Structures are given as C-alpha cells and as structure tokens.
Amino acid sequence: MSDELTATCPITNQPDFYSATIVYEPDALCLESKSLKLYLARFRDRGAFCEALAVQIRDDVAAAVELDTARVHVSLRQKARGGITITASV
C-alpha cells in the first residue's frame, strides 16, 4: 500500500492524491519496493482519471511480474477534493 500516489486531473490540471493498494501472489517474479516507488512517482505530472489509472497500474504490474491480469488487484482511493472521494478497483 502507498499513500503517496499523485496524478493530475486531465480536465482541471489539479493534482489528485491517492492511496494505492496492489495485491498479487508472486510466482517466479515479484516487484522490488524501490522500483514500485519510482514507478508510482512517474504519474505525478500525467493526466489520468482514477478508473483508467487503476487499470493501467494493474496491467503494468501484471506484465512486470508475468501474471495474468486476473491475478493482480489494484485499488485506488482518491483523497477528497471538492467533497468527493472516489475508489476504483480492478
């Protein structure tokens, strides 16, 4: 879990802050924590909606650890802005 994921809203260009949870059972490969931190940091200046970002992270993690996407679960909880909190899970 990480609470330091930031992306930019593609409509308003304001930052969106997320708590990210990534769950998978490693097989032959696993993610190294520093690599995951650097990967998540790259979204800081990218425009992305919460739902699309969850799918992209799931797909990227699955590819990196050579698992089917059905074996990787990603949940993003967008921190409240404007009184709305969004959670996207795939």
PDB file of N, CA and C in Angstrom:
ATOM      1  N   MET A   1       0.842  -1.178   0.000  1.00  0.00           N
ATOM      2  CA  MET A   1       0.000   0.000   0.000  1.00  0.00           C
ATOM      3  C   MET A   1       0.883   1.235   0.000  1.00  0.00           C
ATOM      4  N   SER A   2       0.451   2.240  -0.722  1.00  0.00           N
ATOM      5  CA  SER A   2       1.153   3.511  -0.772  1.00  0.00           C
ATOM      6  C   SER A   2       0.136   4.632  -0.703  1.00  0.00           C
ATOM      7  N   ASP A   3       0.420   5.634   0.084  1.00  0.00           N
ATOM      8  CA  ASP A   3      -0.475   6.796   0.122  1.00  0.00           C
ATOM      9  C   ASP A   3       0.202   8.015  -0.502  1.00  0.00           C
ATOM     10  N   GLU A   4       1.187   7.763  -1.357  1.00  0.00           N
ATOM     11  CA  GLU A   4       1.923   8.854  -1.985  1.00  0.00           C
ATOM     12  C   GLU A   4       1.794   8.865  -3.500  1.00  0.00           C
ATOM     13  N   LEU A   5       0.700   8.348  -4.028  1.00  0.00           N
ATOM     14  CA  LEU A   5       0.479   8.370  -5.471  1.00  0.00           C
ATOM     15  C   LEU A   5      -0.245   9.659  -5.831  1.00  0.00           C
ATOM     16  N   THR A   6       0.302  10.371  -6.789  1.00  0.00           N
ATOM     17  CA  THR A   6      -0.288  11.617  -7.256  1.00  0.00           C
ATOM     18  C   THR A   6      -0.374  11.575  -8.774  1.00  0.00           C
ATOM     19  N   ALA A   7      -1.509  12.008  -9.308  1.00  0.00           N
ATOM     20  CA  ALA A   7      -1.678  12.186 -10.747  1.00  0.00           C
ATOM     21  C   ALA A   7      -2.382  13.525 -10.948  1.00  0.00           C
ATOM     22  N   THR A   8      -2.445  13.953 -12.175  1.00  0.00           N
ATOM     23  CA  THR A   8      -3.077  15.228 -12.485  1.00  0.00           C
ATOM     24  C   THR A   8      -4.433  14.987 -13.138  1.00  0.00           C
ATOM     25  N   CYS A   9      -5.429  15.735 -12.718  1.00  0.00           N
ATOM     26  CA  CYS A   9      -6.739  15.635 -13.355  1.00  0.00           C
ATOM     27  C   CYS A   9      -6.615  16.143 -14.790  1.00  0.00           C
ATOM     28  N   PRO A  10      -7.030  15.349 -15.786  1.00  0.00           N
ATOM     29  CA  PRO A  10      -6.891  15.782 -17.172  1.00  0.00           C
ATOM     30  C   PRO A  10      -7.826  16.931 -17.551  1.00  0.00           C
ATOM     31  N   ILE A  11      -8.825  17.208 -16.734  1.00  0.00           N
ATOM     32  CA  ILE A  11      -9.753  18.301 -17.028  1.00  0.00           C
ATOM     33  C   ILE A  11      -9.301  19.601 -16.371  1.00  0.00           C
ATOM     34  N   THR A  12      -8.985  19.547 -15.084  1.00  0.00           N
ATOM     35  CA  THR A  12      -8.669  20.770 -14.323  1.00  0.00           C
ATOM     36  C   THR A  12      -7.173  21.023 -14.151  1.00  0.00           C
ATOM     37  N   ASN A  13      -6.362  20.019 -14.440  1.00  0.00           N
ATOM     38  CA  ASN A  13      -4.912  20.074 -14.213  1.00  0.00           C
ATOM     39  C   ASN A  13      -4.542  20.231 -12.745  1.00  0.00           C
ATOM     40  N   GLN A  14      -5.474  19.949 -11.846  1.00  0.00           N
ATOM     41  CA  GLN A  14      -5.186  19.970 -10.415  1.00  0.00           C
ATOM     42  C   GLN A  14      -4.675  18.594 -10.001  1.00  0.00           C
ATOM     43  N   PRO A  15      -3.856  18.550  -8.956  1.00  0.00           N
ATOM     44  CA  PRO A  15      -3.358  17.242  -8.515  1.00  0.00           C
ATOM     45  C   PRO A  15      -4.445  16.426  -7.831  1.00  0.00           C
ATOM     46  N   ASP A  16      -4.448  15.139  -8.102  1.00  0.00           N
ATOM     47  CA  ASP A  16      -5.301  14.187  -7.403  1.00  0.00           C
ATOM     48  C   ASP A  16      -4.379  13.287  -6.588  1.00  0.00           C
ATOM     49  N   PHE A  17      -4.698  13.113  -5.318  1.00  0.00           N
ATOM     50  CA  PHE A  17      -3.880  12.320  -4.415  1.00  0.00           C
ATOM     51  C   PHE A  17      -4.590  11.004  -4.125  1.00  0.00           C
ATOM     52  N   TYR A  18      -3.833   9.913  -4.113  1.00  0.00           N
ATOM     53  CA  TYR A  18      -4.411   8.581  -3.972  1.00  0.00           C
ATOM     54  C   TYR A  18      -3.698   7.764  -2.914  1.00  0.00           C
ATOM     55  N   SER A  19      -4.454   6.836  -2.353  1.00  0.00           N
ATOM     56  CA  SER A  19      -3.887   5.702  -1.634  1.00  0.00           C
ATOM     57  C   SER A  19      -4.026   4.519  -2.584  1.00  0.00           C
ATOM     58  N   ALA A  20      -2.933   3.841  -2.826  1.00  0.00           N
ATOM     59  CA  ALA A  20      -2.933   2.719  -3.768  1.00  0.00           C
ATOM     60  C   ALA A  20      -2.647   1.422  -3.030  1.00  0.00           C
ATOM     61  N   THR A  21      -3.455   0.408  -3.323  1.00  0.00           N
ATOM     62  CA  THR A  21      -3.227  -0.932  -2.800  1.00  0.00           C
ATOM     63  C   THR A  21      -3.078  -1.874  -3.979  1.00  0.00           C
ATOM     64  N   ILE A  22      -1.974  -2.606  -4.001  1.00  0.00           N
ATOM     65  CA  ILE A  22      -1.694  -3.565  -5.069  1.00  0.00           C
ATOM     66  C   ILE A  22      -1.538  -4.933  -4.415  1.00  0.00           C
ATOM     67  N   VAL A  23      -2.351  -5.879  -4.862  1.00  0.00           N
ATOM     68  CA  VAL A  23      -2.328  -7.217  -4.280  1.00  0.00           C
ATOM     69  C   VAL A  23      -2.121  -8.241  -5.392  1.00  0.00           C
ATOM     70  N   TYR A  24      -1.149  -9.119  -5.197  1.00  0.00           N
ATOM     71  CA  TYR A  24      -0.927 -10.242  -6.098  1.00  0.00           C
ATOM     72  C   TYR A  24      -0.117 -11.293  -5.347  1.00  0.00           C
ATOM     73  N   GLU A  25      -0.193 -12.525  -5.811  1.00  0.00           N
ATOM     74  CA  GLU A  25       0.634 -13.598  -5.251  1.00  0.00           C
ATOM     75  C   GLU A  25       1.766 -13.847  -6.223  1.00  0.00           C
ATOM     76  N   PRO A  26       2.989 -13.552  -5.810  1.00  0.00           N
ATOM     77  CA  PRO A  26       4.117 -13.714  -6.733  1.00  0.00           C
ATOM     78  C   PRO A  26       4.302 -15.168  -7.153  1.00  0.00           C
ATOM     79  N   ASP A  27       4.774 -15.312  -8.353  1.00  0.00           N
ATOM     80  CA  ASP A  27       5.117 -16.629  -8.870  1.00  0.00           C
ATOM     81  C   ASP A  27       6.630 -16.641  -9.029  1.00  0.00           C
ATOM     82  N   ALA A  28       7.134 -16.581 -10.243  1.00  0.00           N
ATOM     83  CA  ALA A  28       8.580 -16.573 -10.453  1.00  0.00           C
ATOM     84  C   ALA A  28       9.190 -15.204 -10.186  1.00  0.00           C
ATOM     85  N   LEU A  29       8.383 -14.134 -10.354  1.00  0.00           N
ATOM     86  CA  LEU A  29       8.883 -12.770 -10.207  1.00  0.00           C
ATOM     87  C   LEU A  29       8.079 -12.003  -9.163  1.00  0.00           C
ATOM     88  N   CYS A  30       8.704 -10.974  -8.583  1.00  0.00           N
ATOM     89  CA  CYS A  30       7.996 -10.076  -7.681  1.00  0.00           C
ATOM     90  C   CYS A  30       8.521  -8.659  -7.889  1.00  0.00           C
ATOM     91  N   LEU A  31       7.782  -7.694  -7.388  1.00  0.00           N
ATOM     92  CA  LEU A  31       8.193  -6.296  -7.507  1.00  0.00           C
ATOM     93  C   LEU A  31       9.122  -5.914  -6.368  1.00  0.00           C
ATOM     94  N   GLU A  32      10.174  -5.221  -6.707  1.00  0.00           N
ATOM     95  CA  GLU A  32      11.080  -4.676  -5.703  1.00  0.00           C
ATOM     96  C   GLU A  32      10.495  -3.341  -5.257  1.00  0.00           C
ATOM     97  N   SER A  33      10.502  -3.063  -3.964  1.00  0.00           N
ATOM     98  CA  SER A  33       9.795  -1.898  -3.416  1.00  0.00           C
ATOM     99  C   SER A  33      10.294  -0.574  -3.989  1.00  0.00           C
ATOM    100  N   LYS A  34      11.598  -0.404  -4.167  1.00  0.00           N
ATOM    101  CA  LYS A  34      12.120   0.854  -4.713  1.00  0.00           C
ATOM    102  C   LYS A  34      11.657   1.049  -6.150  1.00  0.00           C
ATOM    103  N   SER A  35      11.642  -0.014  -6.919  1.00  0.00           N
ATOM    104  CA  SER A  35      11.153   0.074  -8.301  1.00  0.00           C
ATOM    105  C   SER A  35       9.685   0.476  -8.334  1.00  0.00           C
ATOM    106  N   LEU A  36       8.895  -0.077  -7.421  1.00  0.00           N
ATOM    107  CA  LEU A  36       7.480   0.278  -7.351  1.00  0.00           C
ATOM    108  C   LEU A  36       7.305   1.744  -6.979  1.00  0.00           C
ATOM    109  N   LYS A  37       8.090   2.239  -6.030  1.00  0.00           N
ATOM    110  CA  LYS A  37       8.017   3.661  -5.644  1.00  0.00           C
ATOM    111  C   LYS A  37       8.340   4.563  -6.821  1.00  0.00           C
ATOM    112  N   LEU A  38       9.382   4.230  -7.559  1.00  0.00           N
ATOM    113  CA  LEU A  38       9.759   5.035  -8.721  1.00  0.00           C
ATOM    114  C   LEU A  38       8.699   4.968  -9.809  1.00  0.00           C
ATOM    115  N   TYR A  39       8.120   3.791 -10.003  1.00  0.00           N
ATOM    116  CA  TYR A  39       7.046   3.639 -10.988  1.00  0.00           C
ATOM    117  C   TYR A  39       5.850   4.517 -10.622  1.00  0.00           C
ATOM    118  N   LEU A  40       5.421   4.467  -9.374  1.00  0.00           N
ATOM    119  CA  LEU A  40       4.262   5.257  -8.956  1.00  0.00           C
ATOM    120  C   LEU A  40       4.539   6.756  -9.041  1.00  0.00           C
ATOM    121  N   ALA A  41       5.777   7.161  -8.798  1.00  0.00           N
ATOM    122  CA  ALA A  41       6.124   8.593  -8.843  1.00  0.00           C
ATOM    123  C   ALA A  41       6.018   9.160 -10.253  1.00  0.00           C
ATOM    124  N   ARG A  42       6.103   8.329 -11.262  1.00  0.00           N
ATOM    125  CA  ARG A  42       6.080   8.837 -12.634  1.00  0.00           C
ATOM    126  C   ARG A  42       4.721   9.386 -13.057  1.00  0.00           C
ATOM    127  N   PHE A  43       3.681   9.102 -12.285  1.00  0.00           N
ATOM    128  CA  PHE A  43       2.340   9.595 -12.625  1.00  0.00           C
ATOM    129  C   PHE A  43       2.101  11.026 -12.149  1.00  0.00           C
ATOM    130  N   ARG A  44       3.022  11.580 -11.406  1.00  0.00           N
ATOM    131  CA  ARG A  44       2.856  12.904 -10.789  1.00  0.00           C
ATOM    132  C   ARG A  44       2.435  13.975 -11.786  1.00  0.00           C
ATOM    133  N   ASP A  45       3.022  13.991 -12.962  1.00  0.00           N
ATOM    134  CA  ASP A  45       2.731  15.030 -13.946  1.00  0.00           C
ATOM    135  C   ASP A  45       1.894  14.531 -15.113  1.00  0.00           C
ATOM    136  N   ARG A  46       1.272  13.380 -14.952  1.00  0.00           N
ATOM    137  CA  ARG A  46       0.461  12.810 -16.033  1.00  0.00           C
ATOM    138  C   ARG A  46      -1.022  12.990 -15.749  1.00  0.00           C
ATOM    139  N   GLY A  47      -1.755  13.336 -16.779  1.00  0.00           N
ATOM    140  CA  GLY A  47      -3.199  13.435 -16.648  1.00  0.00           C
ATOM    141  C   GLY A  47      -3.825  12.056 -16.717  1.00  0.00           C
ATOM    142  N   ALA A  48      -4.650  11.741 -15.709  1.00  0.00           N
ATOM    143  CA  ALA A  48      -5.293  10.421 -15.689  1.00  0.00           C
ATOM    144  C   ALA A  48      -6.518  10.453 -14.795  1.00  0.00           C
ATOM    145  N   PHE A  49      -7.581   9.808 -15.251  1.00  0.00           N
ATOM    146  CA  PHE A  49      -8.746   9.607 -14.402  1.00  0.00           C
ATOM    147  C   PHE A  49      -8.498   8.404 -13.506  1.00  0.00           C
ATOM    148  N   CYS A  50      -9.096   8.390 -12.343  1.00  0.00           N
ATOM    149  CA  CYS A  50      -8.887   7.353 -11.333  1.00  0.00           C
ATOM    150  C   CYS A  50      -9.101   5.948 -11.901  1.00  0.00           C
ATOM    151  N   GLU A  51     -10.186   5.764 -12.598  1.00  0.00           N
ATOM    152  CA  GLU A  51     -10.535   4.437 -13.103  1.00  0.00           C
ATOM    153  C   GLU A  51      -9.502   3.939 -14.121  1.00  0.00           C
ATOM    154  N   ALA A  52      -9.101   4.800 -15.040  1.00  0.00           N
ATOM    155  CA  ALA A  52      -8.111   4.429 -16.054  1.00  0.00           C
ATOM    156  C   ALA A  52      -6.744   4.187 -15.421  1.00  0.00           C
ATOM    157  N   LEU A  53      -6.418   4.956 -14.410  1.00  0.00           N
ATOM    158  CA  LEU A  53      -5.143   4.795 -13.719  1.00  0.00           C
ATOM    159  C   LEU A  53      -5.070   3.440 -13.010  1.00  0.00           C
ATOM    160  N   ALA A  54      -6.160   3.027 -12.392  1.00  0.00           N
ATOM    161  CA  ALA A  54      -6.196   1.719 -11.726  1.00  0.00           C
ATOM    162  C   ALA A  54      -5.961   0.592 -12.731  1.00  0.00           C
ATOM    163  N   VAL A  55      -6.591   0.686 -13.886  1.00  0.00           N
ATOM    164  CA  VAL A  55      -6.421  -0.336 -14.923  1.00  0.00           C
ATOM    165  C   VAL A  55      -4.982  -0.331 -15.440  1.00  0.00           C
ATOM    166  N   GLN A  56      -4.417   0.848 -15.674  1.00  0.00           N
ATOM    167  CA  GLN A  56      -3.049   0.928 -16.180  1.00  0.00           C
ATOM    168  C   GLN A  56      -2.050   0.326 -15.194  1.00  0.00           C
ATOM    169  N   ILE A  57      -2.206   0.661 -13.915  1.00  0.00           N
ATOM    170  CA  ILE A  57      -1.302   0.116 -12.904  1.00  0.00           C
ATOM    171  C   ILE A  57      -1.441  -1.404 -12.839  1.00  0.00           C
ATOM    172  N   ARG A  58      -2.684  -1.901 -12.835  1.00  0.00           N
ATOM    173  CA  ARG A  58      -2.894  -3.350 -12.810  1.00  0.00           C
ATOM    174  C   ARG A  58      -2.221  -4.032 -13.991  1.00  0.00           C
ATOM    175  N   ASP A  59      -2.426  -3.478 -15.188  1.00  0.00           N
ATOM    176  CA  ASP A  59      -1.844  -4.074 -16.391  1.00  0.00           C
ATOM    177  C   ASP A  59      -0.322  -4.029 -16.363  1.00  0.00           C
ATOM    178  N   ASP A  60       0.241  -2.913 -15.910  1.00  0.00           N
ATOM    179  CA  ASP A  60       1.703  -2.777 -15.846  1.00  0.00           C
ATOM    180  C   ASP A  60       2.316  -3.731 -14.824  1.00  0.00           C
ATOM    181  N   VAL A  61       1.680  -3.845 -13.661  1.00  0.00           N
ATOM    182  CA  VAL A  61       2.196  -4.765 -12.639  1.00  0.00           C
ATOM    183  C   VAL A  61       2.112  -6.202 -13.140  1.00  0.00           C
ATOM    184  N   ALA A  62       0.988  -6.568 -13.729  1.00  0.00           N
ATOM    185  CA  ALA A  62       0.828  -7.927 -14.247  1.00  0.00           C
ATOM    186  C   ALA A  62       1.897  -8.237 -15.290  1.00  0.00           C
ATOM    187  N   ALA A  63       2.166  -7.294 -16.168  1.00  0.00           N
ATOM    188  CA  ALA A  63       3.197  -7.509 -17.185  1.00  0.00           C
ATOM    189  C   ALA A  63       4.580  -7.627 -16.549  1.00  0.00           C
ATOM    190  N   ALA A  64       4.863  -6.798 -15.560  1.00  0.00           N
ATOM    191  CA  ALA A  64       6.185  -6.801 -14.933  1.00  0.00           C
ATOM    192  C   ALA A  64       6.477  -8.108 -14.199  1.00  0.00           C
ATOM    193  N   VAL A  65       5.463  -8.684 -13.567  1.00  0.00           N
ATOM    194  CA  VAL A  65       5.680  -9.928 -12.801  1.00  0.00           C
ATOM    195  C   VAL A  65       5.204 -11.162 -13.572  1.00  0.00           C
ATOM    196  N   GLU A  66       4.850 -10.940 -14.844  1.00  0.00           N
ATOM    197  CA  GLU A  66       4.444 -12.012 -15.756  1.00  0.00           C
ATOM    198  C   GLU A  66       3.290 -12.846 -15.211  1.00  0.00           C
ATOM    199  N   LEU A  67       2.226 -12.137 -14.785  1.00  0.00           N
ATOM    200  CA  LEU A  67       1.000 -12.783 -14.318  1.00  0.00           C
ATOM    201  C   LEU A  67      -0.162 -12.337 -15.186  1.00  0.00           C
ATOM    202  N   ASP A  68      -1.186 -13.145 -15.254  1.00  0.00           N
ATOM    203  CA  ASP A  68      -2.427 -12.749 -15.902  1.00  0.00           C
ATOM    204  C   ASP A  68      -3.038 -11.599 -15.105  1.00  0.00           C
ATOM    205  N   THR A  69      -3.668 -10.661 -15.783  1.00  0.00           N
ATOM    206  CA  THR A  69      -4.251  -9.508 -15.086  1.00  0.00           C
ATOM    207  C   THR A  69      -5.297  -9.918 -14.051  1.00  0.00           C
ATOM    208  N   ALA A  70      -5.921 -11.079 -14.228  1.00  0.00           N
ATOM    209  CA  ALA A  70      -6.914 -11.549 -13.260  1.00  0.00           C
ATOM    210  C   ALA A  70      -6.278 -11.886 -11.914  1.00  0.00           C
ATOM    211  N   ARG A  71      -4.974 -12.053 -11.884  1.00  0.00           N
ATOM    212  CA  ARG A  71      -4.279 -12.400 -10.638  1.00  0.00           C
ATOM    213  C   ARG A  71      -3.700 -11.181  -9.917  1.00  0.00           C
ATOM    214  N   VAL A  72      -3.952  -9.985 -10.461  1.00  0.00           N
ATOM    215  CA  VAL A  72      -3.463  -8.747  -9.856  1.00  0.00           C
ATOM    216  C   VAL A  72      -4.657  -7.856  -9.544  1.00  0.00           C
ATOM    217  N   HIS A  73      -4.725  -7.375  -8.308  1.00  0.00           N
ATOM    218  CA  HIS A  73      -5.822  -6.496  -7.897  1.00  0.00           C
ATOM    219  C   HIS A  73      -5.244  -5.146  -7.480  1.00  0.00           C
ATOM    220  N   VAL A  74      -5.795  -4.086  -8.043  1.00  0.00           N
ATOM    221  CA  VAL A  74      -5.363  -2.727  -7.709  1.00  0.00           C
ATOM    222  C   VAL A  74      -6.570  -1.937  -7.251  1.00  0.00           C
ATOM    223  N   SER A  75      -6.419  -1.252  -6.146  1.00  0.00           N
ATOM    224  CA  SER A  75      -7.465  -0.367  -5.642  1.00  0.00           C
ATOM    225  C   SER A  75      -6.858   1.006  -5.394  1.00  0.00           C
ATOM    226  N   LEU A  76      -7.457   2.019  -6.003  1.00  0.00           N
ATOM    227  CA  LEU A  76      -7.032   3.396  -5.788  1.00  0.00           C
ATOM    228  C   LEU A  76      -8.133   4.140  -5.064  1.00  0.00           C
ATOM    229  N   ARG A  77      -7.787   4.781  -3.971  1.00  0.00           N
ATOM    230  CA  ARG A  77      -8.748   5.604  -3.242  1.00  0.00           C
ATOM    231  C   ARG A  77      -8.294   7.043  -3.369  1.00  0.00           C
ATOM    232  N   GLN A  78      -9.064   7.806  -4.134  1.00  0.00           N
ATOM    233  CA  GLN A  78      -8.733   9.212  -4.349  1.00  0.00           C
ATOM    234  C   GLN A  78      -9.109  10.005  -3.103  1.00  0.00           C
ATOM    235  N   LYS A  79      -8.189  10.784  -2.621  1.00  0.00           N
ATOM    236  CA  LYS A  79      -8.454  11.594  -1.436  1.00  0.00           C
ATOM    237  C   LYS A  79      -9.421  12.708  -1.801  1.00  0.00           C
ATOM    238  N   ALA A  80     -10.236  13.098  -0.848  1.00  0.00           N
ATOM    239  CA  ALA A  80     -11.326  14.040  -1.094  1.00  0.00           C
ATOM    240  C   ALA A  80     -10.824  15.376  -1.624  1.00  0.00           C
ATOM    241  N   ARG A  81     -11.477  15.821  -2.665  1.00  0.00           N
ATOM    242  CA  ARG A  81     -11.287  17.164  -3.198  1.00  0.00           C
ATOM    243  C   ARG A  81     -12.657  17.598  -3.690  1.00  0.00           C
ATOM    244  N   GLY A  82     -13.119  18.719  -3.228  1.00  0.00           N
ATOM    245  CA  GLY A  82     -14.463  19.147  -3.588  1.00  0.00           C
ATOM    246  C   GLY A  82     -15.530  18.313  -2.914  1.00  0.00           C
ATOM    247  N   GLY A  83     -15.178  17.653  -1.808  1.00  0.00           N
ATOM    248  CA  GLY A  83     -16.132  16.866  -1.050  1.00  0.00           C
ATOM    249  C   GLY A  83     -16.429  15.497  -1.623  1.00  0.00           C
ATOM    250  N   ILE A  84     -15.691  15.093  -2.657  1.00  0.00           N
ATOM    251  CA  ILE A  84     -15.954  13.803  -3.291  1.00  0.00           C
ATOM    252  C   ILE A  84     -14.726  12.901  -3.152  1.00  0.00           C
ATOM    253  N   THR A  85     -14.970  11.664  -2.741  1.00  0.00           N
ATOM    254  CA  THR A  85     -13.928  10.655  -2.697  1.00  0.00           C
ATOM    255  C   THR A  85     -14.304   9.549  -3.666  1.00  0.00           C
ATOM    256  N   ILE A  86     -13.345   9.109  -4.470  1.00  0.00           N
ATOM    257  CA  ILE A  86     -13.588   8.060  -5.452  1.00  0.00           C
ATOM    258  C   ILE A  86     -12.685   6.881  -5.139  1.00  0.00           C
ATOM    259  N   THR A  87     -13.236   5.676  -5.264  1.00  0.00           N
ATOM    260  CA  THR A  87     -12.435   4.461  -5.157  1.00  0.00           C
ATOM    261  C   THR A  87     -12.647   3.649  -6.426  1.00  0.00           C
ATOM    262  N   ALA A  88     -11.552   3.288  -7.085  1.00  0.00           N
ATOM    263  CA  ALA A  88     -11.608   2.457  -8.290  1.00  0.00           C
ATOM    264  C   ALA A  88     -10.824   1.188  -8.002  1.00  0.00           C
ATOM    265  N   SER A  89     -11.459   0.040  -8.233  1.00  0.00           N
ATOM    266  CA  SER A  89     -10.810  -1.247  -8.016  1.00  0.00           C
ATOM    267  C   SER A  89     -10.928  -2.104  -9.254  1.00  0.00           C
ATOM    268  N   VAL A  90      -9.825  -2.747  -9.618  1.00  0.00           N
ATOM    269  CA  VAL A  90      -9.832  -3.701 -10.741  1.00  0.00           C
ATOM    270  C   VAL A  90      -9.072  -4.936 -10.337  1.00  0.00           C
TER     271      VAL A  90
END
